[in-house]
Amino acid sequence: MLLAVSSALQVQTSSGTLEGVHTSHTYGEVVEFLGVPFAAAPVGRLRFMPPQPHAAWSGVREAKQYGAACAQ
């Protein structure tokens, strides 16, 4: 859920503040927010269960690069 966008490339979400990055593409400039967590890690008691919401964070979370790939 996107609530507000500022010129500082930050958005306030229900989980906390994210900071993105400007990127040039063929069709123009966009602001990207990469590696944004959408669910809690499926470990321990959460393994093989439906996704659970990710915990909120305080401060500004950088969303300028993708997270680590999941090993299969």
PDB file of N, CA and C in Angstrom:
ATOM      1  N   MET A   1       0.846  -1.172   0.000  1.00  0.00           N
ATOM      2  CA  MET A   1       0.000   0.000   0.000  1.00  0.00           C
ATOM      3  C   MET A   1       0.889   1.233   0.000  1.00  0.00           C
ATOM      4  N   LEU A   2       0.789   2.048  -1.016  1.00  0.00           N
ATOM      5  CA  LEU A   2       1.560   3.284  -1.150  1.00  0.00           C
ATOM      6  C   LEU A   2       0.739   4.432  -0.587  1.00  0.00           C
ATOM      7  N   LEU A   3       1.325   5.155   0.362  1.00  0.00           N
ATOM      8  CA  LEU A   3       0.590   6.237   0.998  1.00  0.00           C
ATOM      9  C   LEU A   3       1.049   7.611   0.565  1.00  0.00           C
ATOM     10  N   ALA A   4       2.364   7.800   0.399  1.00  0.00           N
ATOM     11  CA  ALA A   4       2.872   9.126   0.035  1.00  0.00           C
ATOM     12  C   ALA A   4       4.209   8.986  -0.677  1.00  0.00           C
ATOM     13  N   VAL A   5       4.478   9.880  -1.620  1.00  0.00           N
ATOM     14  CA  VAL A   5       5.747   9.906  -2.344  1.00  0.00           C
ATOM     15  C   VAL A   5       6.336  11.295  -2.197  1.00  0.00           C
ATOM     16  N   SER A   6       7.648  11.375  -1.923  1.00  0.00           N
ATOM     17  CA  SER A   6       8.304  12.676  -1.815  1.00  0.00           C
ATOM     18  C   SER A   6       9.428  12.762  -2.833  1.00  0.00           C
ATOM     19  N   SER A   7       9.986  13.961  -3.021  1.00  0.00           N
ATOM     20  CA  SER A   7      11.071  14.146  -3.980  1.00  0.00           C
ATOM     21  C   SER A   7      12.353  13.469  -3.516  1.00  0.00           C
ATOM     22  N   ALA A   8      12.418  13.058  -2.256  1.00  0.00           N
ATOM     23  CA  ALA A   8      13.595  12.388  -1.722  1.00  0.00           C
ATOM     24  C   ALA A   8      13.591  10.894  -2.054  1.00  0.00           C
ATOM     25  N   LEU A   9      12.679  10.464  -2.930  1.00  0.00           N
ATOM     26  CA  LEU A   9      12.566   9.064  -3.338  1.00  0.00           C
ATOM     27  C   LEU A   9      12.177   8.157  -2.184  1.00  0.00           C
ATOM     28  N   GLN A  10      11.430   8.664  -1.247  1.00  0.00           N
ATOM     29  CA  GLN A  10      10.967   7.874  -0.119  1.00  0.00           C
ATOM     30  C   GLN A  10       9.456   7.739  -0.167  1.00  0.00           C
ATOM     31  N   VAL A  11       8.983   6.564   0.251  1.00  0.00           N
ATOM     32  CA  VAL A  11       7.548   6.331   0.384  1.00  0.00           C
ATOM     33  C   VAL A  11       7.280   5.810   1.787  1.00  0.00           C
ATOM     34  N   GLN A  12       6.147   6.192   2.311  1.00  0.00           N
ATOM     35  CA  GLN A  12       5.712   5.702   3.618  1.00  0.00           C
ATOM     36  C   GLN A  12       4.688   4.603   3.370  1.00  0.00           C
ATOM     37  N   THR A  13       4.945   3.410   3.886  1.00  0.00           N
ATOM     38  CA  THR A  13       4.018   2.290   3.746  1.00  0.00           C
ATOM     39  C   THR A  13       3.496   1.917   5.132  1.00  0.00           C
ATOM     40  N   SER A  14       2.590   0.978   5.180  1.00  0.00           N
ATOM     41  CA  SER A  14       2.068   0.534   6.470  1.00  0.00           C
ATOM     42  C   SER A  14       3.128  -0.210   7.283  1.00  0.00           C
ATOM     43  N   SER A  15       4.216  -0.651   6.644  1.00  0.00           N
ATOM     44  CA  SER A  15       5.296  -1.351   7.348  1.00  0.00           C
ATOM     45  C   SER A  15       6.452  -0.445   7.735  1.00  0.00           C
ATOM     46  N   GLY A  16       6.564   0.724   7.124  1.00  0.00           N
ATOM     47  CA  GLY A  16       7.659   1.650   7.400  1.00  0.00           C
ATOM     48  C   GLY A  16       8.010   2.458   6.164  1.00  0.00           C
ATOM     49  N   THR A  17       9.116   3.192   6.248  1.00  0.00           N
ATOM     50  CA  THR A  17       9.552   4.060   5.156  1.00  0.00           C
ATOM     51  C   THR A  17      10.570   3.340   4.282  1.00  0.00           C
ATOM     52  N   LEU A  18      10.397   3.451   2.959  1.00  0.00           N
ATOM     53  CA  LEU A  18      11.320   2.871   1.985  1.00  0.00           C
ATOM     54  C   LEU A  18      11.990   3.978   1.201  1.00  0.00           C
ATOM     55  N   GLU A  19      13.270   3.776   0.864  1.00  0.00           N
ATOM     56  CA  GLU A  19      13.993   4.723   0.020  1.00  0.00           C
ATOM     57  C   GLU A  19      14.376   4.019  -1.271  1.00  0.00           C
ATOM     58  N   GLY A  20      13.946   4.578  -2.404  1.00  0.00           N
ATOM     59  CA  GLY A  20      14.197   3.976  -3.709  1.00  0.00           C
ATOM     60  C   GLY A  20      15.278   4.697  -4.475  1.00  0.00           C
ATOM     61  N   VAL A  21      15.332   4.430  -5.778  1.00  0.00           N
ATOM     62  CA  VAL A  21      16.370   4.983  -6.637  1.00  0.00           C
ATOM     63  C   VAL A  21      15.760   5.336  -7.997  1.00  0.00           C
ATOM     64  N   HIS A  22      16.223   6.448  -8.594  1.00  0.00           N
ATOM     65  CA  HIS A  22      15.833   6.812  -9.963  1.00  0.00           C
ATOM     66  C   HIS A  22      16.579   5.914 -10.940  1.00  0.00           C
ATOM     67  N   THR A  23      15.894   5.434 -11.965  1.00  0.00           N
ATOM     68  CA  THR A  23      16.507   4.592 -12.984  1.00  0.00           C
ATOM     69  C   THR A  23      16.013   5.029 -14.355  1.00  0.00           C
ATOM     70  N   SER A  24      16.918   5.049 -15.342  1.00  0.00           N
ATOM     71  CA  SER A  24      16.546   5.372 -16.722  1.00  0.00           C
ATOM     72  C   SER A  24      16.256   4.090 -17.481  1.00  0.00           C
ATOM     73  N   HIS A  25      15.134   4.073 -18.171  1.00  0.00           N
ATOM     74  CA  HIS A  25      14.756   2.949 -19.015  1.00  0.00           C
ATOM     75  C   HIS A  25      14.471   3.480 -20.411  1.00  0.00           C
ATOM     76  N   THR A  26      14.223   2.595 -21.334  1.00  0.00           N
ATOM     77  CA  THR A  26      13.931   2.973 -22.715  1.00  0.00           C
ATOM     78  C   THR A  26      12.802   3.988 -22.803  1.00  0.00           C
ATOM     79  N   TYR A  27      11.804   3.842 -21.958  1.00  0.00           N
ATOM     80  CA  TYR A  27      10.620   4.696 -22.029  1.00  0.00           C
ATOM     81  C   TYR A  27      10.665   5.878 -21.073  1.00  0.00           C
ATOM     82  N   GLY A  28      11.788   6.100 -20.416  1.00  0.00           N
ATOM     83  CA  GLY A  28      11.914   7.258 -19.539  1.00  0.00           C
ATOM     84  C   GLY A  28      12.419   6.918 -18.150  1.00  0.00           C
ATOM     85  N   GLU A  29      12.303   7.887 -17.273  1.00  0.00           N
ATOM     86  CA  GLU A  29      12.763   7.756 -15.890  1.00  0.00           C
ATOM     87  C   GLU A  29      11.687   7.109 -15.020  1.00  0.00           C
ATOM     88  N   VAL A  30      12.114   6.239 -14.134  1.00  0.00           N
ATOM     89  CA  VAL A  30      11.206   5.635 -13.161  1.00  0.00           C
ATOM     90  C   VAL A  30      11.878   5.642 -11.798  1.00  0.00           C
ATOM     91  N   VAL A  31      11.097   5.502 -10.761  1.00  0.00           N
ATOM     92  CA  VAL A  31      11.630   5.319  -9.415  1.00  0.00           C
ATOM     93  C   VAL A  31      11.390   3.864  -9.052  1.00  0.00           C
ATOM     94  N   GLU A  32      12.459   3.153  -8.675  1.00  0.00           N
ATOM     95  CA  GLU A  32      12.353   1.735  -8.337  1.00  0.00           C
ATOM     96  C   GLU A  32      12.534   1.532  -6.843  1.00  0.00           C
ATOM     97  N   PHE A  33      11.781   0.599  -6.305  1.00  0.00           N
ATOM     98  CA  PHE A  33      11.920   0.162  -4.919  1.00  0.00           C
ATOM     99  C   PHE A  33      12.154  -1.338  -4.989  1.00  0.00           C
ATOM    100  N   LEU A  34      13.389  -1.763  -4.775  1.00  0.00           N
ATOM    101  CA  LEU A  34      13.803  -3.150  -4.987  1.00  0.00           C
ATOM    102  C   LEU A  34      13.991  -3.880  -3.660  1.00  0.00           C
ATOM    103  N   GLY A  35      13.769  -5.177  -3.673  1.00  0.00           N
ATOM    104  CA  GLY A  35      14.017  -5.996  -2.496  1.00  0.00           C
ATOM    105  C   GLY A  35      13.101  -5.697  -1.326  1.00  0.00           C
ATOM    106  N   VAL A  36      11.893  -5.261  -1.601  1.00  0.00           N
ATOM    107  CA  VAL A  36      10.948  -4.930  -0.532  1.00  0.00           C
ATOM    108  C   VAL A  36      10.374  -6.226   0.039  1.00  0.00           C
ATOM    109  N   PRO A  37      10.524  -6.455   1.346  1.00  0.00           N
ATOM    110  CA  PRO A  37       9.988  -7.687   1.929  1.00  0.00           C
ATOM    111  C   PRO A  37       8.460  -7.665   1.931  1.00  0.00           C
ATOM    112  N   PHE A  38       7.854  -8.771   1.544  1.00  0.00           N
ATOM    113  CA  PHE A  38       6.392  -8.838   1.511  1.00  0.00           C
ATOM    114  C   PHE A  38       5.845  -9.898   2.457  1.00  0.00           C
ATOM    115  N   ALA A  39       6.721 -10.762   2.974  1.00  0.00           N
ATOM    116  CA  ALA A  39       6.279 -11.814   3.886  1.00  0.00           C
ATOM    117  C   ALA A  39       7.434 -12.203   4.804  1.00  0.00           C
ATOM    118  N   ALA A  40       7.089 -12.770   5.951  1.00  0.00           N
ATOM    119  CA  ALA A  40       8.104 -13.271   6.876  1.00  0.00           C
ATOM    120  C   ALA A  40       8.793 -14.481   6.246  1.00  0.00           C
ATOM    121  N   ALA A  41      10.050 -14.691   6.593  1.00  0.00           N
ATOM    122  CA  ALA A  41      10.798 -15.838   6.061  1.00  0.00           C
ATOM    123  C   ALA A  41      10.118 -17.142   6.489  1.00  0.00           C
ATOM    124  N   PRO A  42       9.964 -18.100   5.571  1.00  0.00           N
ATOM    125  CA  PRO A  42       9.281 -19.355   5.897  1.00  0.00           C
ATOM    126  C   PRO A  42      10.215 -20.353   6.582  1.00  0.00           C
ATOM    127  N   VAL A  43      10.621 -20.041   7.790  1.00  0.00           N
ATOM    128  CA  VAL A  43      11.529 -20.913   8.540  1.00  0.00           C
ATOM    129  C   VAL A  43      10.855 -21.353   9.838  1.00  0.00           C
ATOM    130  N   GLY A  44      11.389 -22.416  10.420  1.00  0.00           N
ATOM    131  CA  GLY A  44      10.840 -22.908  11.684  1.00  0.00           C
ATOM    132  C   GLY A  44       9.376 -23.297  11.551  1.00  0.00           C
ATOM    133  N   ARG A  45       8.542 -22.783  12.463  1.00  0.00           N
ATOM    134  CA  ARG A  45       7.119 -23.137  12.470  1.00  0.00           C
ATOM    135  C   ARG A  45       6.366 -22.592  11.256  1.00  0.00           C
ATOM    136  N   LEU A  46       6.965 -21.637  10.518  1.00  0.00           N
ATOM    137  CA  LEU A  46       6.305 -21.070   9.342  1.00  0.00           C
ATOM    138  C   LEU A  46       6.532 -21.893   8.073  1.00  0.00           C
ATOM    139  N   ARG A  47       7.424 -22.884   8.153  1.00  0.00           N
ATOM    140  CA  ARG A  47       7.707 -23.700   6.972  1.00  0.00           C
ATOM    141  C   ARG A  47       6.453 -24.455   6.553  1.00  0.00           C
ATOM    142  N   PHE A  48       6.152 -24.445   5.277  1.00  0.00           N
ATOM    143  CA  PHE A  48       4.989 -25.113   4.680  1.00  0.00           C
ATOM    144  C   PHE A  48       3.657 -24.518   5.134  1.00  0.00           C
ATOM    145  N   MET A  49       3.685 -23.308   5.656  1.00  0.00           N
ATOM    146  CA  MET A  49       2.465 -22.606   6.062  1.00  0.00           C
ATOM    147  C   MET A  49       2.203 -21.465   5.081  1.00  0.00           C
ATOM    148  N   PRO A  50       0.986 -20.923   5.056  1.00  0.00           N
ATOM    149  CA  PRO A  50       0.715 -19.763   4.203  1.00  0.00           C
ATOM    150  C   PRO A  50       1.618 -18.591   4.599  1.00  0.00           C
ATOM    151  N   PRO A  51       1.936 -17.709   3.676  1.00  0.00           N
ATOM    152  CA  PRO A  51       2.790 -16.556   3.989  1.00  0.00           C
ATOM    153  C   PRO A  51       2.209 -15.712   5.123  1.00  0.00           C
ATOM    154  N   GLN A  52       3.097 -15.222   5.977  1.00  0.00           N
ATOM    155  CA  GLN A  52       2.719 -14.339   7.082  1.00  0.00           C
ATOM    156  C   GLN A  52       3.264 -12.947   6.790  1.00  0.00           C
ATOM    157  N   PRO A  53       2.590 -11.896   7.244  1.00  0.00           N
ATOM    158  CA  PRO A  53       3.078 -10.534   6.987  1.00  0.00           C
ATOM    159  C   PRO A  53       4.479 -10.319   7.553  1.00  0.00           C
ATOM    160  N   HIS A  54       5.263  -9.519   6.860  1.00  0.00           N
ATOM    161  CA  HIS A  54       6.597  -9.142   7.332  1.00  0.00           C
ATOM    162  C   HIS A  54       6.437  -8.149   8.474  1.00  0.00           C
ATOM    163  N   ALA A  55       7.294  -8.224   9.465  1.00  0.00           N
ATOM    164  CA  ALA A  55       7.242  -7.292  10.594  1.00  0.00           C
ATOM    165  C   ALA A  55       7.586  -5.877  10.128  1.00  0.00           C
ATOM    166  N   ALA A  56       6.970  -4.890  10.747  1.00  0.00           N
ATOM    167  CA  ALA A  56       7.261  -3.487  10.427  1.00  0.00           C
ATOM    168  C   ALA A  56       8.678  -3.143  10.881  1.00  0.00           C
ATOM    169  N   TRP A  57       9.249  -2.082  10.320  1.00  0.00           N
ATOM    170  CA  TRP A  57      10.581  -1.630  10.696  1.00  0.00           C
ATOM    171  C   TRP A  57      10.519  -0.159  11.080  1.00  0.00           C
ATOM    172  N   SER A  58      11.538   0.272  11.816  1.00  0.00           N
ATOM    173  CA  SER A  58      11.630   1.692  12.171  1.00  0.00           C
ATOM    174  C   SER A  58      12.731   2.319  11.331  1.00  0.00           C
ATOM    175  N   GLY A  59      12.666   3.617  11.150  1.00  0.00           N
ATOM    176  CA  GLY A  59      13.657   4.301  10.330  1.00  0.00           C
ATOM    177  C   GLY A  59      13.375   4.105   8.852  1.00  0.00           C
ATOM    178  N   VAL A  60      14.382   4.375   8.035  1.00  0.00           N
ATOM    179  CA  VAL A  60      14.248   4.274   6.579  1.00  0.00           C
ATOM    180  C   VAL A  60      14.969   3.020   6.103  1.00  0.00           C
ATOM    181  N   ARG A  61      14.275   2.176   5.367  1.00  0.00           N
ATOM    182  CA  ARG A  61      14.860   0.951   4.815  1.00  0.00           C
ATOM    183  C   ARG A  61      15.243   1.218   3.366  1.00  0.00           C
ATOM    184  N   GLU A  62      16.517   0.999   3.019  1.00  0.00           N
ATOM    185  CA  GLU A  62      16.967   1.186   1.640  1.00  0.00           C
ATOM    186  C   GLU A  62      16.394   0.079   0.766  1.00  0.00           C
ATOM    187  N   ALA A  63      15.803   0.475  -0.347  1.00  0.00           N
ATOM    188  CA  ALA A  63      15.231  -0.469  -1.311  1.00  0.00           C
ATOM    189  C   ALA A  63      15.851  -0.180  -2.671  1.00  0.00           C
ATOM    190  N   LYS A  64      17.190  -0.199  -2.707  1.00  0.00           N
ATOM    191  CA  LYS A  64      17.935   0.189  -3.906  1.00  0.00           C
ATOM    192  C   LYS A  64      18.540  -0.988  -4.657  1.00  0.00           C
ATOM    193  N   GLN A  65      18.427  -2.202  -4.105  1.00  0.00           N
ATOM    194  CA  GLN A  65      18.943  -3.383  -4.789  1.00  0.00           C
ATOM    195  C   GLN A  65      18.130  -4.597  -4.360  1.00  0.00           C
ATOM    196  N   TYR A  66      18.151  -5.622  -5.198  1.00  0.00           N
ATOM    197  CA  TYR A  66      17.431  -6.846  -4.877  1.00  0.00           C
ATOM    198  C   TYR A  66      18.119  -7.566  -3.731  1.00  0.00           C
ATOM    199  N   GLY A  67      17.361  -8.351  -2.979  1.00  0.00           N
ATOM    200  CA  GLY A  67      17.924  -9.170  -1.916  1.00  0.00           C
ATOM    201  C   GLY A  67      18.600 -10.401  -2.495  1.00  0.00           C
ATOM    202  N   ALA A  68      19.135 -11.232  -1.619  1.00  0.00           N
ATOM    203  CA  ALA A  68      19.805 -12.462  -2.044  1.00  0.00           C
ATOM    204  C   ALA A  68      18.795 -13.417  -2.678  1.00  0.00           C
ATOM    205  N   ALA A  69      19.246 -14.166  -3.666  1.00  0.00           N
ATOM    206  CA  ALA A  69      18.390 -15.156  -4.317  1.00  0.00           C
ATOM    207  C   ALA A  69      18.166 -16.332  -3.377  1.00  0.00           C
ATOM    208  N   CYS A  70      17.021 -16.946  -3.486  1.00  0.00           N
ATOM    209  CA  CYS A  70      16.683 -18.098  -2.658  1.00  0.00           C
ATOM    210  C   CYS A  70      17.337 -19.350  -3.248  1.00  0.00           C
ATOM    211  N   ALA A  71      18.133 -20.030  -2.441  1.00  0.00           N
ATOM    212  CA  ALA A  71      18.771 -21.270  -2.897  1.00  0.00           C
ATOM    213  C   ALA A  71      17.722 -22.367  -3.008  1.00  0.00           C
ATOM    214  N   GLN A  72      17.827 -23.164  -4.043  1.00  0.00           N
ATOM    215  CA  GLN A  72      16.858 -24.249  -4.253  1.00  0.00           C
ATOM    216  C   GLN A  72      17.493 -25.577  -3.958  1.00  0.00           C
TER     217      GLN A  72
END
